[in-house]
Amino acid sequence: MNDKFKLIRVENYKPYIGNEAVERILKKNEKLADLHIAHIDSTYYGRGIAELLSSLTLSMSLLFR
């Protein structure tokens, strides 16, 4: 697989934040697994907070497999 397009997973952060932190994140994630998340942006042209949506979407996909 091309490393340029490799999907990063939460487990990839173990060397930086430790195994306990990753396990704690994954455990908290289990409680959210059946929920839906709505992102509502109030800016007129999609600047500011709207630009966070792509990174938020990627972050959520790391947790919600």
PDB file of N, CA and C in Angstrom:
ATOM      1  N   MET A   1       0.840  -1.176   0.000  1.00  0.00           N
ATOM      2  CA  MET A   1       0.000   0.000   0.000  1.00  0.00           C
ATOM      3  C   MET A   1       0.884   1.237   0.000  1.00  0.00           C
ATOM      4  N   ASN A   2       0.479   2.237  -0.740  1.00  0.00           N
ATOM      5  CA  ASN A   2       1.213   3.485  -0.816  1.00  0.00           C
ATOM      6  C   ASN A   2       1.084   4.241   0.502  1.00  0.00           C
ATOM      7  N   ASP A   3       2.208   4.566   1.153  1.00  0.00           N
ATOM      8  CA  ASP A   3       2.169   5.248   2.444  1.00  0.00           C
ATOM      9  C   ASP A   3       1.552   6.636   2.351  1.00  0.00           C
ATOM     10  N   LYS A   4       1.548   7.230   1.162  1.00  0.00           N
ATOM     11  CA  LYS A   4       0.955   8.553   0.986  1.00  0.00           C
ATOM     12  C   LYS A   4      -0.543   8.520   1.276  1.00  0.00           C
ATOM     13  N   PHE A   5      -1.196   7.402   1.014  1.00  0.00           N
ATOM     14  CA  PHE A   5      -2.631   7.291   1.189  1.00  0.00           C
ATOM     15  C   PHE A   5      -3.012   6.337   2.321  1.00  0.00           C
ATOM     16  N   LYS A   6      -2.081   6.070   3.207  1.00  0.00           N
ATOM     17  CA  LYS A   6      -2.331   5.147   4.314  1.00  0.00           C
ATOM     18  C   LYS A   6      -3.239   5.824   5.350  1.00  0.00           C
ATOM     19  N   LEU A   7      -4.311   5.131   5.718  1.00  0.00           N
ATOM     20  CA  LEU A   7      -5.224   5.657   6.718  1.00  0.00           C
ATOM     21  C   LEU A   7      -4.613   5.471   8.101  1.00  0.00           C
ATOM     22  N   ILE A   8      -4.499   6.560   8.822  1.00  0.00           N
ATOM     23  CA  ILE A   8      -3.942   6.519  10.166  1.00  0.00           C
ATOM     24  C   ILE A   8      -5.034   6.048  11.118  1.00  0.00           C
ATOM     25  N   ARG A   9      -4.657   5.195  12.033  1.00  0.00           N
ATOM     26  CA  ARG A   9      -5.595   4.684  13.031  1.00  0.00           C
ATOM     27  C   ARG A   9      -5.172   5.196  14.408  1.00  0.00           C
ATOM     28  N   VAL A  10      -6.078   5.158  15.338  1.00  0.00           N
ATOM     29  CA  VAL A  10      -5.781   5.620  16.695  1.00  0.00           C
ATOM     30  C   VAL A  10      -4.594   4.854  17.270  1.00  0.00           C
ATOM     31  N   GLU A  11      -4.501   3.582  16.960  1.00  0.00           N
ATOM     32  CA  GLU A  11      -3.407   2.761  17.470  1.00  0.00           C
ATOM     33  C   GLU A  11      -2.040   3.267  17.024  1.00  0.00           C
ATOM     34  N   ASN A  12      -1.975   4.017  15.922  1.00  0.00           N
ATOM     35  CA  ASN A  12      -0.715   4.569  15.448  1.00  0.00           C
ATOM     36  C   ASN A  12      -0.131   5.616  16.410  1.00  0.00           C
ATOM     37  N   TYR A  13      -0.951   6.115  17.318  1.00  0.00           N
ATOM     38  CA  TYR A  13      -0.501   7.148  18.247  1.00  0.00           C
ATOM     39  C   TYR A  13       0.091   6.570  19.540  1.00  0.00           C
ATOM     40  N   LYS A  14       0.109   5.251  19.677  1.00  0.00           N
ATOM     41  CA  LYS A  14       0.638   4.628  20.896  1.00  0.00           C
ATOM     42  C   LYS A  14       2.054   5.093  21.254  1.00  0.00           C
ATOM     43  N   PRO A  15       2.968   5.206  20.281  1.00  0.00           N
ATOM     44  CA  PRO A  15       4.325   5.651  20.648  1.00  0.00           C
ATOM     45  C   PRO A  15       4.353   7.071  21.218  1.00  0.00           C
ATOM     46  N   TYR A  16       3.343   7.877  20.920  1.00  0.00           N
ATOM     47  CA  TYR A  16       3.333   9.277  21.341  1.00  0.00           C
ATOM     48  C   TYR A  16       2.543   9.511  22.623  1.00  0.00           C
ATOM     49  N   ILE A  17       1.412   8.780  22.786  1.00  0.00           N
ATOM     50  CA  ILE A  17       0.557   9.032  23.944  1.00  0.00           C
ATOM     51  C   ILE A  17       0.446   7.834  24.878  1.00  0.00           C
ATOM     52  N   GLY A  18       0.994   6.713  24.480  1.00  0.00           N
ATOM     53  CA  GLY A  18       1.000   5.530  25.326  1.00  0.00           C
ATOM     54  C   GLY A  18      -0.212   4.635  25.110  1.00  0.00           C
ATOM     55  N   ASN A  19      -0.042   3.389  25.468  1.00  0.00           N
ATOM     56  CA  ASN A  19      -1.073   2.384  25.290  1.00  0.00           C
ATOM     57  C   ASN A  19      -2.316   2.682  26.121  1.00  0.00           C
ATOM     58  N   GLU A  20      -2.115   3.156  27.363  1.00  0.00           N
ATOM     59  CA  GLU A  20      -3.255   3.439  28.242  1.00  0.00           C
ATOM     60  C   GLU A  20      -4.169   4.507  27.646  1.00  0.00           C
ATOM     61  N   ALA A  21      -3.587   5.558  27.097  1.00  0.00           N
ATOM     62  CA  ALA A  21      -4.384   6.640  26.509  1.00  0.00           C
ATOM     63  C   ALA A  21      -5.164   6.148  25.302  1.00  0.00           C
ATOM     64  N   VAL A  22      -4.525   5.354  24.460  1.00  0.00           N
ATOM     65  CA  VAL A  22      -5.210   4.817  23.281  1.00  0.00           C
ATOM     66  C   VAL A  22      -6.353   3.911  23.706  1.00  0.00           C
ATOM     67  N   GLU A  23      -6.116   3.055  24.681  1.00  0.00           N
ATOM     68  CA  GLU A  23      -7.169   2.162  25.170  1.00  0.00           C
ATOM     69  C   GLU A  23      -8.321   2.950  25.777  1.00  0.00           C
ATOM     70  N   ARG A  24      -8.003   4.029  26.489  1.00  0.00           N
ATOM     71  CA  ARG A  24      -9.035   4.875  27.080  1.00  0.00           C
ATOM     72  C   ARG A  24      -9.888   5.542  25.994  1.00  0.00           C
ATOM     73  N   ILE A  25      -9.259   6.005  24.929  1.00  0.00           N
ATOM     74  CA  ILE A  25      -9.982   6.609  23.805  1.00  0.00           C
ATOM     75  C   ILE A  25     -10.898   5.584  23.151  1.00  0.00           C
ATOM     76  N   LEU A  26     -10.373   4.395  22.904  1.00  0.00           N
ATOM     77  CA  LEU A  26     -11.169   3.355  22.258  1.00  0.00           C
ATOM     78  C   LEU A  26     -12.336   2.916  23.144  1.00  0.00           C
ATOM     79  N   LYS A  27     -12.122   2.878  24.445  1.00  0.00           N
ATOM     80  CA  LYS A  27     -13.200   2.489  25.356  1.00  0.00           C
ATOM     81  C   LYS A  27     -14.305   3.542  25.366  1.00  0.00           C
ATOM     82  N   LYS A  28     -13.925   4.811  25.400  1.00  0.00           N
ATOM     83  CA  LYS A  28     -14.917   5.888  25.351  1.00  0.00           C
ATOM     84  C   LYS A  28     -15.657   5.873  24.018  1.00  0.00           C
ATOM     85  N   ASN A  29     -14.949   5.503  22.967  1.00  0.00           N
ATOM     86  CA  ASN A  29     -15.544   5.450  21.640  1.00  0.00           C
ATOM     87  C   ASN A  29     -16.670   4.419  21.562  1.00  0.00           C
ATOM     88  N   GLU A  30     -16.542   3.337  22.316  1.00  0.00           N
ATOM     89  CA  GLU A  30     -17.571   2.290  22.294  1.00  0.00           C
ATOM     90  C   GLU A  30     -18.939   2.847  22.678  1.00  0.00           C
ATOM     91  N   LYS A  31     -18.967   3.803  23.592  1.00  0.00           N
ATOM     92  CA  LYS A  31     -20.223   4.414  24.022  1.00  0.00           C
ATOM     93  C   LYS A  31     -20.855   5.257  22.917  1.00  0.00           C
ATOM     94  N   LEU A  32     -20.048   5.725  21.980  1.00  0.00           N
ATOM     95  CA  LEU A  32     -20.535   6.599  20.920  1.00  0.00           C
ATOM     96  C   LEU A  32     -20.852   5.861  19.624  1.00  0.00           C
ATOM     97  N   ALA A  33     -20.590   4.587  19.580  1.00  0.00           N
ATOM     98  CA  ALA A  33     -20.651   3.824  18.332  1.00  0.00           C
ATOM     99  C   ALA A  33     -22.003   3.878  17.632  1.00  0.00           C
ATOM    100  N   ASP A  34     -23.104   3.941  18.365  1.00  0.00           N
ATOM    101  CA  ASP A  34     -24.425   3.932  17.746  1.00  0.00           C
ATOM    102  C   ASP A  34     -25.023   5.322  17.555  1.00  0.00           C
ATOM    103  N   LEU A  35     -24.266   6.355  17.850  1.00  0.00           N
ATOM    104  CA  LEU A  35     -24.776   7.719  17.739  1.00  0.00           C
ATOM    105  C   LEU A  35     -24.512   8.304  16.363  1.00  0.00           C
ATOM    106  N   HIS A  36     -25.278   9.321  16.009  1.00  0.00           N
ATOM    107  CA  HIS A  36     -25.063  10.086  14.783  1.00  0.00           C
ATOM    108  C   HIS A  36     -24.558  11.465  15.178  1.00  0.00           C
ATOM    109  N   ILE A  37     -23.673  12.008  14.387  1.00  0.00           N
ATOM    110  CA  ILE A  37     -23.110  13.321  14.671  1.00  0.00           C
ATOM    111  C   ILE A  37     -23.507  14.270  13.557  1.00  0.00           C
ATOM    112  N   ALA A  38     -24.088  15.412  13.932  1.00  0.00           N
ATOM    113  CA  ALA A  38     -24.471  16.438  12.958  1.00  0.00           C
ATOM    114  C   ALA A  38     -23.528  17.620  13.116  1.00  0.00           C
ATOM    115  N   HIS A  39     -22.980  18.071  12.017  1.00  0.00           N
ATOM    116  CA  HIS A  39     -22.103  19.234  12.033  1.00  0.00           C
ATOM    117  C   HIS A  39     -22.882  20.386  11.400  1.00  0.00           C
ATOM    118  N   ILE A  40     -23.143  21.419  12.174  1.00  0.00           N
ATOM    119  CA  ILE A  40     -23.908  22.568  11.689  1.00  0.00           C
ATOM    120  C   ILE A  40     -22.978  23.760  11.679  1.00  0.00           C
ATOM    121  N   ASP A  41     -22.866  24.390  10.525  1.00  0.00           N
ATOM    122  CA  ASP A  41     -21.976  25.539  10.356  1.00  0.00           C
ATOM    123  C   ASP A  41     -22.832  26.774  10.112  1.00  0.00           C
ATOM    124  N   SER A  42     -22.553  27.832  10.836  1.00  0.00           N
ATOM    125  CA  SER A  42     -23.356  29.039  10.693  1.00  0.00           C
ATOM    126  C   SER A  42     -22.684  30.123   9.854  1.00  0.00           C
ATOM    127  N   THR A  43     -21.513  29.855   9.293  1.00  0.00           N
ATOM    128  CA  THR A  43     -20.856  30.873   8.476  1.00  0.00           C
ATOM    129  C   THR A  43     -21.448  30.881   7.071  1.00  0.00           C
ATOM    130  N   TYR A  44     -21.556  32.047   6.481  1.00  0.00           N
ATOM    131  CA  TYR A  44     -22.236  32.220   5.198  1.00  0.00           C
ATOM    132  C   TYR A  44     -21.491  31.552   4.031  1.00  0.00           C
ATOM    133  N   TYR A  45     -20.176  31.719   3.981  1.00  0.00           N
ATOM    134  CA  TYR A  45     -19.409  31.200   2.845  1.00  0.00           C
ATOM    135  C   TYR A  45     -18.620  29.930   3.164  1.00  0.00           C
ATOM    136  N   GLY A  46     -18.771  29.373   4.337  1.00  0.00           N
ATOM    137  CA  GLY A  46     -18.093  28.117   4.635  1.00  0.00           C
ATOM    138  C   GLY A  46     -16.642  28.261   5.059  1.00  0.00           C
ATOM    139  N   ARG A  47     -16.291  29.374   5.605  1.00  0.00           N
ATOM    140  CA  ARG A  47     -14.920  29.567   6.105  1.00  0.00           C
ATOM    141  C   ARG A  47     -14.881  29.242   7.592  1.00  0.00           C
ATOM    142  N   GLY A  48     -13.744  29.361   8.189  1.00  0.00           N
ATOM    143  CA  GLY A  48     -13.626  29.183   9.632  1.00  0.00           C
ATOM    144  C   GLY A  48     -13.912  27.764  10.074  1.00  0.00           C
ATOM    145  N   ILE A  49     -14.975  27.583  10.811  1.00  0.00           N
ATOM    146  CA  ILE A  49     -15.325  26.289  11.384  1.00  0.00           C
ATOM    147  C   ILE A  49     -15.553  25.244  10.300  1.00  0.00           C
ATOM    148  N   ALA A  50     -16.096  25.651   9.161  1.00  0.00           N
ATOM    149  CA  ALA A  50     -16.366  24.695   8.078  1.00  0.00           C
ATOM    150  C   ALA A  50     -15.090  24.004   7.622  1.00  0.00           C
ATOM    151  N   GLU A  51     -13.967  24.680   7.711  1.00  0.00           N
ATOM    152  CA  GLU A  51     -12.708  24.081   7.292  1.00  0.00           C
ATOM    153  C   GLU A  51     -12.260  22.979   8.251  1.00  0.00           C
ATOM    154  N   LEU A  52     -12.790  22.967   9.456  1.00  0.00           N
ATOM    155  CA  LEU A  52     -12.466  21.920  10.422  1.00  0.00           C
ATOM    156  C   LEU A  52     -13.202  20.620  10.108  1.00  0.00           C
ATOM    157  N   LEU A  53     -14.254  20.699   9.292  1.00  0.00           N
ATOM    158  CA  LEU A  53     -15.083  19.532   9.039  1.00  0.00           C
ATOM    159  C   LEU A  53     -14.298  18.390   8.404  1.00  0.00           C
ATOM    160  N   SER A  54     -13.413  18.672   7.460  1.00  0.00           N
ATOM    161  CA  SER A  54     -12.668  17.588   6.812  1.00  0.00           C
ATOM    162  C   SER A  54     -11.764  16.864   7.801  1.00  0.00           C
ATOM    163  N   SER A  55     -11.101  17.600   8.680  1.00  0.00           N
ATOM    164  CA  SER A  55     -10.256  16.924   9.666  1.00  0.00           C
ATOM    165  C   SER A  55     -11.100  16.234  10.728  1.00  0.00           C
ATOM    166  N   LEU A  56     -12.263  16.810  11.064  1.00  0.00           N
ATOM    167  CA  LEU A  56     -13.161  16.163  12.018  1.00  0.00           C
ATOM    168  C   LEU A  56     -13.691  14.858  11.439  1.00  0.00           C
ATOM    169  N   THR A  57     -14.053  14.881  10.166  1.00  0.00           N
ATOM    170  CA  THR A  57     -14.552  13.676   9.504  1.00  0.00           C
ATOM    171  C   THR A  57     -13.490  12.591   9.509  1.00  0.00           C
ATOM    172  N   LEU A  58     -12.258  12.951   9.200  1.00  0.00           N
ATOM    173  CA  LEU A  58     -11.166  11.979   9.221  1.00  0.00           C
ATOM    174  C   LEU A  58     -10.950  11.441  10.625  1.00  0.00           C
ATOM    175  N   SER A  59     -10.969  12.329  11.619  1.00  0.00           N
ATOM    176  CA  SER A  59     -10.790  11.891  13.002  1.00  0.00           C
ATOM    177  C   SER A  59     -11.878  10.922  13.424  1.00  0.00           C
ATOM    178  N   MET A  60     -13.100  11.220  13.054  1.00  0.00           N
ATOM    179  CA  MET A  60     -14.210  10.340  13.422  1.00  0.00           C
ATOM    180  C   MET A  60     -14.090   8.990  12.723  1.00  0.00           C
ATOM    181  N   SER A  61     -13.610   9.002  11.485  1.00  0.00           N
ATOM    182  CA  SER A  61     -13.471   7.723  10.778  1.00  0.00           C
ATOM    183  C   SER A  61     -12.388   6.856  11.408  1.00  0.00           C
ATOM    184  N   LEU A  62     -11.432   7.478  12.104  1.00  0.00           N
ATOM    185  CA  LEU A  62     -10.410   6.696  12.804  1.00  0.00           C
ATOM    186  C   LEU A  62     -11.019   5.942  13.972  1.00  0.00           C
ATOM    187  N   LEU A  63     -12.019   6.547  14.588  1.00  0.00           N
ATOM    188  CA  LEU A  63     -12.623   5.943  15.767  1.00  0.00           C
ATOM    189  C   LEU A  63     -13.778   5.018  15.424  1.00  0.00           C
ATOM    190  N   PHE A  64     -14.597   5.426  14.487  1.00  0.00           N
ATOM    191  CA  PHE A  64     -15.791   4.661  14.157  1.00  0.00           C
ATOM    192  C   PHE A  64     -15.505   3.764  12.977  1.00  0.00           C
ATOM    193  N   ARG A  65     -15.054   2.573  13.252  1.00  0.00           N
ATOM    194  CA  ARG A  65     -14.690   1.657  12.184  1.00  0.00           C
ATOM    195  C   ARG A  65     -15.864   0.829  11.766  1.00  0.00           C
TER     196      ARG A  65
END
